[in-house]
Amino acid sequence: MTREELELKVKYFLVEDIEVDEALITTDANLKDDIGIDSLDFVDIVVIVEKNFGVKIKPEEMAGVQTFGQFCDYLETKVK
């Protein structure tokens, strides 16, 4: 899976499942402040991503993740 495909899939999950405005989702967008994802939304997206990508996301590995781009960077390391 290419980086672009990964980003498109994650964007799709955010828009369709979490009901985020697609226009808010950019590489540098802060998940909380810019996109509006709260802690419950984040749990939902983690579950969706784990199910669809077949990966296990560890909370301690996500400690520094703040932007959409950082989230995709992290996922890219798990999916490979």
PDB file of N, CA and C in Angstrom:
ATOM      1  N   MET A   1       0.844  -1.169   0.000  1.00  0.00           N
ATOM      2  CA  MET A   1       0.000   0.000   0.000  1.00  0.00           C
ATOM      3  C   MET A   1       0.896   1.242   0.000  1.00  0.00           C
ATOM      4  N   THR A   2       0.586   2.178  -0.874  1.00  0.00           N
ATOM      5  CA  THR A   2       1.363   3.413  -0.930  1.00  0.00           C
ATOM      6  C   THR A   2       0.919   4.361   0.175  1.00  0.00           C
ATOM      7  N   ARG A   3       1.734   5.360   0.421  1.00  0.00           N
ATOM      8  CA  ARG A   3       1.387   6.370   1.431  1.00  0.00           C
ATOM      9  C   ARG A   3       0.091   7.072   1.037  1.00  0.00           C
ATOM     10  N   GLU A   4      -0.051   7.378  -0.237  1.00  0.00           N
ATOM     11  CA  GLU A   4      -1.255   8.064  -0.713  1.00  0.00           C
ATOM     12  C   GLU A   4      -2.502   7.211  -0.469  1.00  0.00           C
ATOM     13  N   GLU A   5      -2.418   5.920  -0.743  1.00  0.00           N
ATOM     14  CA  GLU A   5      -3.553   5.016  -0.503  1.00  0.00           C
ATOM     15  C   GLU A   5      -3.899   4.958   0.981  1.00  0.00           C
ATOM     16  N   LEU A   6      -2.873   4.904   1.817  1.00  0.00           N
ATOM     17  CA  LEU A   6      -3.094   4.870   3.259  1.00  0.00           C
ATOM     18  C   LEU A   6      -3.813   6.137   3.719  1.00  0.00           C
ATOM     19  N   GLU A   7      -3.332   7.297   3.277  1.00  0.00           N
ATOM     20  CA  GLU A   7      -3.962   8.566   3.654  1.00  0.00           C
ATOM     21  C   GLU A   7      -5.405   8.630   3.178  1.00  0.00           C
ATOM     22  N   LEU A   8      -5.659   8.176   1.963  1.00  0.00           N
ATOM     23  CA  LEU A   8      -7.026   8.202   1.438  1.00  0.00           C
ATOM     24  C   LEU A   8      -7.960   7.319   2.253  1.00  0.00           C
ATOM     25  N   LYS A   9      -7.477   6.153   2.653  1.00  0.00           N
ATOM     26  CA  LYS A   9      -8.307   5.257   3.463  1.00  0.00           C
ATOM     27  C   LYS A   9      -8.601   5.861   4.827  1.00  0.00           C
ATOM     28  N   VAL A  10      -7.587   6.433   5.463  1.00  0.00           N
ATOM     29  CA  VAL A  10      -7.790   7.037   6.782  1.00  0.00           C
ATOM     30  C   VAL A  10      -8.738   8.232   6.664  1.00  0.00           C
ATOM     31  N   LYS A  11      -8.573   9.046   5.627  1.00  0.00           N
ATOM     32  CA  LYS A  11      -9.495  10.168   5.393  1.00  0.00           C
ATOM     33  C   LYS A  11     -10.919   9.657   5.235  1.00  0.00           C
ATOM     34  N   TYR A  12     -11.076   8.590   4.464  1.00  0.00           N
ATOM     35  CA  TYR A  12     -12.401   8.003   4.255  1.00  0.00           C
ATOM     36  C   TYR A  12     -13.025   7.605   5.592  1.00  0.00           C
ATOM     37  N   PHE A  13     -12.257   6.940   6.449  1.00  0.00           N
ATOM     38  CA  PHE A  13     -12.774   6.531   7.761  1.00  0.00           C
ATOM     39  C   PHE A  13     -13.168   7.747   8.590  1.00  0.00           C
ATOM     40  N   LEU A  14     -12.345   8.794   8.552  1.00  0.00           N
ATOM     41  CA  LEU A  14     -12.656   9.999   9.324  1.00  0.00           C
ATOM     42  C   LEU A  14     -13.937  10.665   8.828  1.00  0.00           C
ATOM     43  N   VAL A  15     -14.086  10.742   7.524  1.00  0.00           N
ATOM     44  CA  VAL A  15     -15.259  11.401   6.941  1.00  0.00           C
ATOM     45  C   VAL A  15     -16.520  10.558   7.117  1.00  0.00           C
ATOM     46  N   GLU A  16     -16.444   9.288   6.786  1.00  0.00           N
ATOM     47  CA  GLU A  16     -17.630   8.429   6.796  1.00  0.00           C
ATOM     48  C   GLU A  16     -18.025   7.936   8.187  1.00  0.00           C
ATOM     49  N   ASP A  17     -17.056   7.572   8.995  1.00  0.00           N
ATOM     50  CA  ASP A  17     -17.368   6.964  10.289  1.00  0.00           C
ATOM     51  C   ASP A  17     -17.377   7.958  11.448  1.00  0.00           C
ATOM     52  N   ILE A  18     -16.522   8.950  11.392  1.00  0.00           N
ATOM     53  CA  ILE A  18     -16.426   9.928  12.478  1.00  0.00           C
ATOM     54  C   ILE A  18     -17.152  11.223  12.103  1.00  0.00           C
ATOM     55  N   GLU A  19     -17.516  11.354  10.824  1.00  0.00           N
ATOM     56  CA  GLU A  19     -18.258  12.502  10.291  1.00  0.00           C
ATOM     57  C   GLU A  19     -17.471  13.807  10.390  1.00  0.00           C
ATOM     58  N   VAL A  20     -16.200  13.727  10.002  1.00  0.00           N
ATOM     59  CA  VAL A  20     -15.325  14.895   9.954  1.00  0.00           C
ATOM     60  C   VAL A  20     -15.473  15.543   8.584  1.00  0.00           C
ATOM     61  N   ASP A  21     -15.422  16.875   8.533  1.00  0.00           N
ATOM     62  CA  ASP A  21     -15.448  17.604   7.271  1.00  0.00           C
ATOM     63  C   ASP A  21     -14.129  17.344   6.540  1.00  0.00           C
ATOM     64  N   GLU A  22     -14.210  16.786   5.350  1.00  0.00           N
ATOM     65  CA  GLU A  22     -13.003  16.416   4.597  1.00  0.00           C
ATOM     66  C   GLU A  22     -12.069  17.600   4.374  1.00  0.00           C
ATOM     67  N   ALA A  23     -12.624  18.795   4.240  1.00  0.00           N
ATOM     68  CA  ALA A  23     -11.804  19.984   4.002  1.00  0.00           C
ATOM     69  C   ALA A  23     -10.860  20.283   5.169  1.00  0.00           C
ATOM     70  N   LEU A  24     -11.175  19.786   6.352  1.00  0.00           N
ATOM     71  CA  LEU A  24     -10.337  20.023   7.533  1.00  0.00           C
ATOM     72  C   LEU A  24      -9.127  19.099   7.598  1.00  0.00           C
ATOM     73  N   ILE A  25      -9.147  18.025   6.817  1.00  0.00           N
ATOM     74  CA  ILE A  25      -8.108  16.997   6.919  1.00  0.00           C
ATOM     75  C   ILE A  25      -6.948  17.309   5.978  1.00  0.00           C
ATOM     76  N   THR A  26      -5.877  17.825   6.567  1.00  0.00           N
ATOM     77  CA  THR A  26      -4.637  18.078   5.832  1.00  0.00           C
ATOM     78  C   THR A  26      -3.499  17.412   6.600  1.00  0.00           C
ATOM     79  N   THR A  27      -2.367  17.290   5.973  1.00  0.00           N
ATOM     80  CA  THR A  27      -1.221  16.636   6.601  1.00  0.00           C
ATOM     81  C   THR A  27      -0.850  17.288   7.929  1.00  0.00           C
ATOM     82  N   ASP A  28      -0.882  18.614   7.976  1.00  0.00           N
ATOM     83  CA  ASP A  28      -0.465  19.341   9.174  1.00  0.00           C
ATOM     84  C   ASP A  28      -1.601  19.612  10.156  1.00  0.00           C
ATOM     85  N   ALA A  29      -2.812  19.176   9.837  1.00  0.00           N
ATOM     86  CA  ALA A  29      -3.962  19.447  10.706  1.00  0.00           C
ATOM     87  C   ALA A  29      -3.838  18.693  12.026  1.00  0.00           C
ATOM     88  N   ASN A  30      -3.986  19.426  13.123  1.00  0.00           N
ATOM     89  CA  ASN A  30      -3.969  18.823  14.448  1.00  0.00           C
ATOM     90  C   ASN A  30      -5.268  18.038  14.622  1.00  0.00           C
ATOM     91  N   LEU A  31      -5.137  16.788  15.027  1.00  0.00           N
ATOM     92  CA  LEU A  31      -6.312  15.915  15.141  1.00  0.00           C
ATOM     93  C   LEU A  31      -7.356  16.488  16.088  1.00  0.00           C
ATOM     94  N   LYS A  32      -6.914  17.059  17.184  1.00  0.00           N
ATOM     95  CA  LYS A  32      -7.841  17.590  18.185  1.00  0.00           C
ATOM     96  C   LYS A  32      -8.290  19.011  17.839  1.00  0.00           C
ATOM     97  N   ASP A  33      -7.334  19.907  17.669  1.00  0.00           N
ATOM     98  CA  ASP A  33      -7.652  21.325  17.516  1.00  0.00           C
ATOM     99  C   ASP A  33      -8.215  21.696  16.147  1.00  0.00           C
ATOM    100  N   ASP A  34      -7.669  21.132  15.081  1.00  0.00           N
ATOM    101  CA  ASP A  34      -8.095  21.506  13.730  1.00  0.00           C
ATOM    102  C   ASP A  34      -9.216  20.623  13.192  1.00  0.00           C
ATOM    103  N   ILE A  35      -9.107  19.328  13.426  1.00  0.00           N
ATOM    104  CA  ILE A  35     -10.084  18.381  12.878  1.00  0.00           C
ATOM    105  C   ILE A  35     -11.243  18.162  13.844  1.00  0.00           C
ATOM    106  N   GLY A  36     -11.004  18.360  15.135  1.00  0.00           N
ATOM    107  CA  GLY A  36     -12.077  18.246  16.123  1.00  0.00           C
ATOM    108  C   GLY A  36     -12.308  16.849  16.663  1.00  0.00           C
ATOM    109  N   ILE A  37     -11.282  16.013  16.597  1.00  0.00           N
ATOM    110  CA  ILE A  37     -11.416  14.645  17.102  1.00  0.00           C
ATOM    111  C   ILE A  37     -11.204  14.654  18.611  1.00  0.00           C
ATOM    112  N   ASP A  38     -12.216  14.184  19.348  1.00  0.00           N
ATOM    113  CA  ASP A  38     -12.062  14.087  20.798  1.00  0.00           C
ATOM    114  C   ASP A  38     -11.584  12.682  21.157  1.00  0.00           C
ATOM    115  N   SER A  39     -11.430  12.424  22.444  1.00  0.00           N
ATOM    116  CA  SER A  39     -10.861  11.139  22.872  1.00  0.00           C
ATOM    117  C   SER A  39     -11.736   9.958  22.472  1.00  0.00           C
ATOM    118  N   LEU A  40     -13.048  10.118  22.508  1.00  0.00           N
ATOM    119  CA  LEU A  40     -13.937   9.023  22.101  1.00  0.00           C
ATOM    120  C   LEU A  40     -13.852   8.768  20.600  1.00  0.00           C
ATOM    121  N   ASP A  41     -13.787   9.853  19.819  1.00  0.00           N
ATOM    122  CA  ASP A  41     -13.606   9.707  18.371  1.00  0.00           C
ATOM    123  C   ASP A  41     -12.293   8.991  18.072  1.00  0.00           C
ATOM    124  N   PHE A  42     -11.251   9.339  18.831  1.00  0.00           N
ATOM    125  CA  PHE A  42      -9.942   8.740  18.588  1.00  0.00           C
ATOM    126  C   PHE A  42      -9.970   7.242  18.859  1.00  0.00           C
ATOM    127  N   VAL A  43     -10.654   6.849  19.920  1.00  0.00           N
ATOM    128  CA  VAL A  43     -10.800   5.415  20.210  1.00  0.00           C
ATOM    129  C   VAL A  43     -11.521   4.736  19.051  1.00  0.00           C
ATOM    130  N   ASP A  44     -12.583   5.373  18.551  1.00  0.00           N
ATOM    131  CA  ASP A  44     -13.330   4.807  17.422  1.00  0.00           C
ATOM    132  C   ASP A  44     -12.449   4.642  16.194  1.00  0.00           C
ATOM    133  N   ILE A  45     -11.667   5.670  15.867  1.00  0.00           N
ATOM    134  CA  ILE A  45     -10.840   5.589  14.663  1.00  0.00           C
ATOM    135  C   ILE A  45      -9.740   4.550  14.831  1.00  0.00           C
ATOM    136  N   VAL A  46      -9.215   4.402  16.036  1.00  0.00           N
ATOM    137  CA  VAL A  46      -8.198   3.370  16.281  1.00  0.00           C
ATOM    138  C   VAL A  46      -8.792   1.988  16.045  1.00  0.00           C
ATOM    139  N   VAL A  47      -9.993   1.751  16.554  1.00  0.00           N
ATOM    140  CA  VAL A  47     -10.656   0.452  16.360  1.00  0.00           C
ATOM    141  C   VAL A  47     -10.912   0.199  14.875  1.00  0.00           C
ATOM    142  N   ILE A  48     -11.387   1.208  14.170  1.00  0.00           N
ATOM    143  CA  ILE A  48     -11.670   1.082  12.734  1.00  0.00           C
ATOM    144  C   ILE A  48     -10.385   0.773  11.962  1.00  0.00           C
ATOM    145  N   VAL A  49      -9.320   1.504  12.276  1.00  0.00           N
ATOM    146  CA  VAL A  49      -8.039   1.313  11.590  1.00  0.00           C
ATOM    147  C   VAL A  49      -7.462  -0.066  11.896  1.00  0.00           C
ATOM    148  N   GLU A  50      -7.518  -0.479  13.159  1.00  0.00           N
ATOM    149  CA  GLU A  50      -7.009  -1.808  13.520  1.00  0.00           C
ATOM    150  C   GLU A  50      -7.743  -2.893  12.741  1.00  0.00           C
ATOM    151  N   LYS A  51      -9.042  -2.766  12.657  1.00  0.00           N
ATOM    152  CA  LYS A  51      -9.860  -3.764  11.956  1.00  0.00           C
ATOM    153  C   LYS A  51      -9.561  -3.780  10.453  1.00  0.00           C
ATOM    154  N   ASN A  52      -9.482  -2.611   9.853  1.00  0.00           N
ATOM    155  CA  ASN A  52      -9.332  -2.529   8.403  1.00  0.00           C
ATOM    156  C   ASN A  52      -7.909  -2.741   7.900  1.00  0.00           C
ATOM    157  N   PHE A  53      -6.919  -2.418   8.721  1.00  0.00           N
ATOM    158  CA  PHE A  53      -5.528  -2.587   8.310  1.00  0.00           C
ATOM    159  C   PHE A  53      -4.895  -3.829   8.913  1.00  0.00           C
ATOM    160  N   GLY A  54      -5.590  -4.471   9.841  1.00  0.00           N
ATOM    161  CA  GLY A  54      -5.053  -5.674  10.462  1.00  0.00           C
ATOM    162  C   GLY A  54      -3.827  -5.412  11.322  1.00  0.00           C
ATOM    163  N   VAL A  55      -3.826  -4.278  12.021  1.00  0.00           N
ATOM    164  CA  VAL A  55      -2.702  -3.912  12.884  1.00  0.00           C
ATOM    165  C   VAL A  55      -3.192  -3.720  14.314  1.00  0.00           C
ATOM    166  N   LYS A  56      -2.261  -3.707  15.244  1.00  0.00           N
ATOM    167  CA  LYS A  56      -2.563  -3.431  16.646  1.00  0.00           C
ATOM    168  C   LYS A  56      -1.879  -2.122  17.011  1.00  0.00           C
ATOM    169  N   ILE A  57      -2.662  -1.160  17.454  1.00  0.00           N
ATOM    170  CA  ILE A  57      -2.132   0.145  17.832  1.00  0.00           C
ATOM    171  C   ILE A  57      -1.986   0.195  19.348  1.00  0.00           C
ATOM    172  N   LYS A  58      -0.777   0.490  19.792  1.00  0.00           N
ATOM    173  CA  LYS A  58      -0.494   0.577  21.225  1.00  0.00           C
ATOM    174  C   LYS A  58      -0.559   2.045  21.656  1.00  0.00           C
ATOM    175  N   PRO A  59      -1.349   2.346  22.684  1.00  0.00           N
ATOM    176  CA  PRO A  59      -1.492   3.739  23.131  1.00  0.00           C
ATOM    177  C   PRO A  59      -0.159   4.426  23.428  1.00  0.00           C
ATOM    178  N   GLU A  60       0.776   3.698  24.028  1.00  0.00           N
ATOM    179  CA  GLU A  60       2.057   4.315  24.369  1.00  0.00           C
ATOM    180  C   GLU A  60       2.853   4.720  23.131  1.00  0.00           C
ATOM    181  N   GLU A  61       2.609   4.068  22.007  1.00  0.00           N
ATOM    182  CA  GLU A  61       3.292   4.422  20.760  1.00  0.00           C
ATOM    183  C   GLU A  61       2.669   5.654  20.112  1.00  0.00           C
ATOM    184  N   MET A  62       1.471   5.999  20.537  1.00  0.00           N
ATOM    185  CA  MET A  62       0.749   7.128  19.952  1.00  0.00           C
ATOM    186  C   MET A  62       0.943   8.423  20.737  1.00  0.00           C
ATOM    187  N   ALA A  63       1.744   8.390  21.792  1.00  0.00           N
ATOM    188  CA  ALA A  63       1.887   9.527  22.703  1.00  0.00           C
ATOM    189  C   ALA A  63       2.230  10.844  22.000  1.00  0.00           C
ATOM    190  N   GLY A  64       3.112  10.830  21.025  1.00  0.00           N
ATOM    191  CA  GLY A  64       3.526  12.066  20.367  1.00  0.00           C
ATOM    192  C   GLY A  64       2.736  12.424  19.125  1.00  0.00           C
ATOM    193  N   VAL A  65       1.765  11.613  18.774  1.00  0.00           N
ATOM    194  CA  VAL A  65       0.998  11.833  17.547  1.00  0.00           C
ATOM    195  C   VAL A  65      -0.035  12.932  17.773  1.00  0.00           C
ATOM    196  N   GLN A  66       0.102  14.019  17.001  1.00  0.00           N
ATOM    197  CA  GLN A  66      -0.829  15.130  17.142  1.00  0.00           C
ATOM    198  C   GLN A  66      -1.504  15.519  15.837  1.00  0.00           C
ATOM    199  N   THR A  67      -0.847  15.267  14.717  1.00  0.00           N
ATOM    200  CA  THR A  67      -1.409  15.690  13.433  1.00  0.00           C
ATOM    201  C   THR A  67      -1.847  14.492  12.591  1.00  0.00           C
ATOM    202  N   PHE A  68      -2.639  14.782  11.582  1.00  0.00           N
ATOM    203  CA  PHE A  68      -3.068  13.740  10.650  1.00  0.00           C
ATOM    204  C   PHE A  68      -1.854  13.091   9.994  1.00  0.00           C
ATOM    205  N   GLY A  69      -0.883  13.904   9.606  1.00  0.00           N
ATOM    206  CA  GLY A  69       0.332  13.381   8.981  1.00  0.00           C
ATOM    207  C   GLY A  69       1.111  12.462   9.902  1.00  0.00           C
ATOM    208  N   GLN A  70       1.215  12.837  11.173  1.00  0.00           N
ATOM    209  CA  GLN A  70       1.914  11.995  12.146  1.00  0.00           C
ATOM    210  C   GLN A  70       1.177  10.676  12.360  1.00  0.00           C
ATOM    211  N   PHE A  71      -0.146  10.733  12.366  1.00  0.00           N
ATOM    212  CA  PHE A  71      -0.940   9.514  12.511  1.00  0.00           C
ATOM    213  C   PHE A  71      -0.681   8.583  11.329  1.00  0.00           C
ATOM    214  N   CYS A  72      -0.651   9.150  10.128  1.00  0.00           N
ATOM    215  CA  CYS A  72      -0.377   8.344   8.934  1.00  0.00           C
ATOM    216  C   CYS A  72       1.060   7.830   8.934  1.00  0.00           C
ATOM    217  N   ASP A  73       2.011   8.647   9.421  1.00  0.00           N
ATOM    218  CA  ASP A  73       3.403   8.190   9.554  1.00  0.00           C
ATOM    219  C   ASP A  73       3.454   6.957  10.441  1.00  0.00           C
ATOM    220  N   TYR A  74       2.775   7.030  11.575  1.00  0.00           N
ATOM    221  CA  TYR A  74       2.747   5.911  12.521  1.00  0.00           C
ATOM    222  C   TYR A  74       2.133   4.675  11.860  1.00  0.00           C
ATOM    223  N   LEU A  75       0.996   4.857  11.201  1.00  0.00           N
ATOM    224  CA  LEU A  75       0.330   3.718  10.551  1.00  0.00           C
ATOM    225  C   LEU A  75       1.201   3.098   9.474  1.00  0.00           C
ATOM    226  N   GLU A  76       1.915   3.937   8.763  1.00  0.00           N
ATOM    227  CA  GLU A  76       2.787   3.444   7.693  1.00  0.00           C
ATOM    228  C   GLU A  76       3.823   2.467   8.251  1.00  0.00           C
ATOM    229  N   THR A  77       4.313   2.719   9.454  1.00  0.00           N
ATOM    230  CA  THR A  77       5.288   1.812  10.061  1.00  0.00           C
ATOM    231  C   THR A  77       4.638   0.499  10.480  1.00  0.00           C
ATOM    232  N   LYS A  78       3.359   0.522  10.798  1.00  0.00           N
ATOM    233  CA  LYS A  78       2.647  -0.676  11.243  1.00  0.00           C
ATOM    234  C   LYS A  78       2.170  -1.533  10.066  1.00  0.00           C
ATOM    235  N   VAL A  79       1.813  -0.891   8.974  1.00  0.00           N
ATOM    236  CA  VAL A  79       1.223  -1.589   7.828  1.00  0.00           C
ATOM    237  C   VAL A  79       2.273  -2.320   7.011  1.00  0.00           C
ATOM    238  N   LYS A  80       3.488  -1.826   6.980  1.00  0.00           N
ATOM    239  CA  LYS A  80       4.542  -2.428   6.150  1.00  0.00           C
ATOM    240  C   LYS A  80       4.917  -3.804   6.612  1.00  0.00           C
TER     241      LYS A  80
END
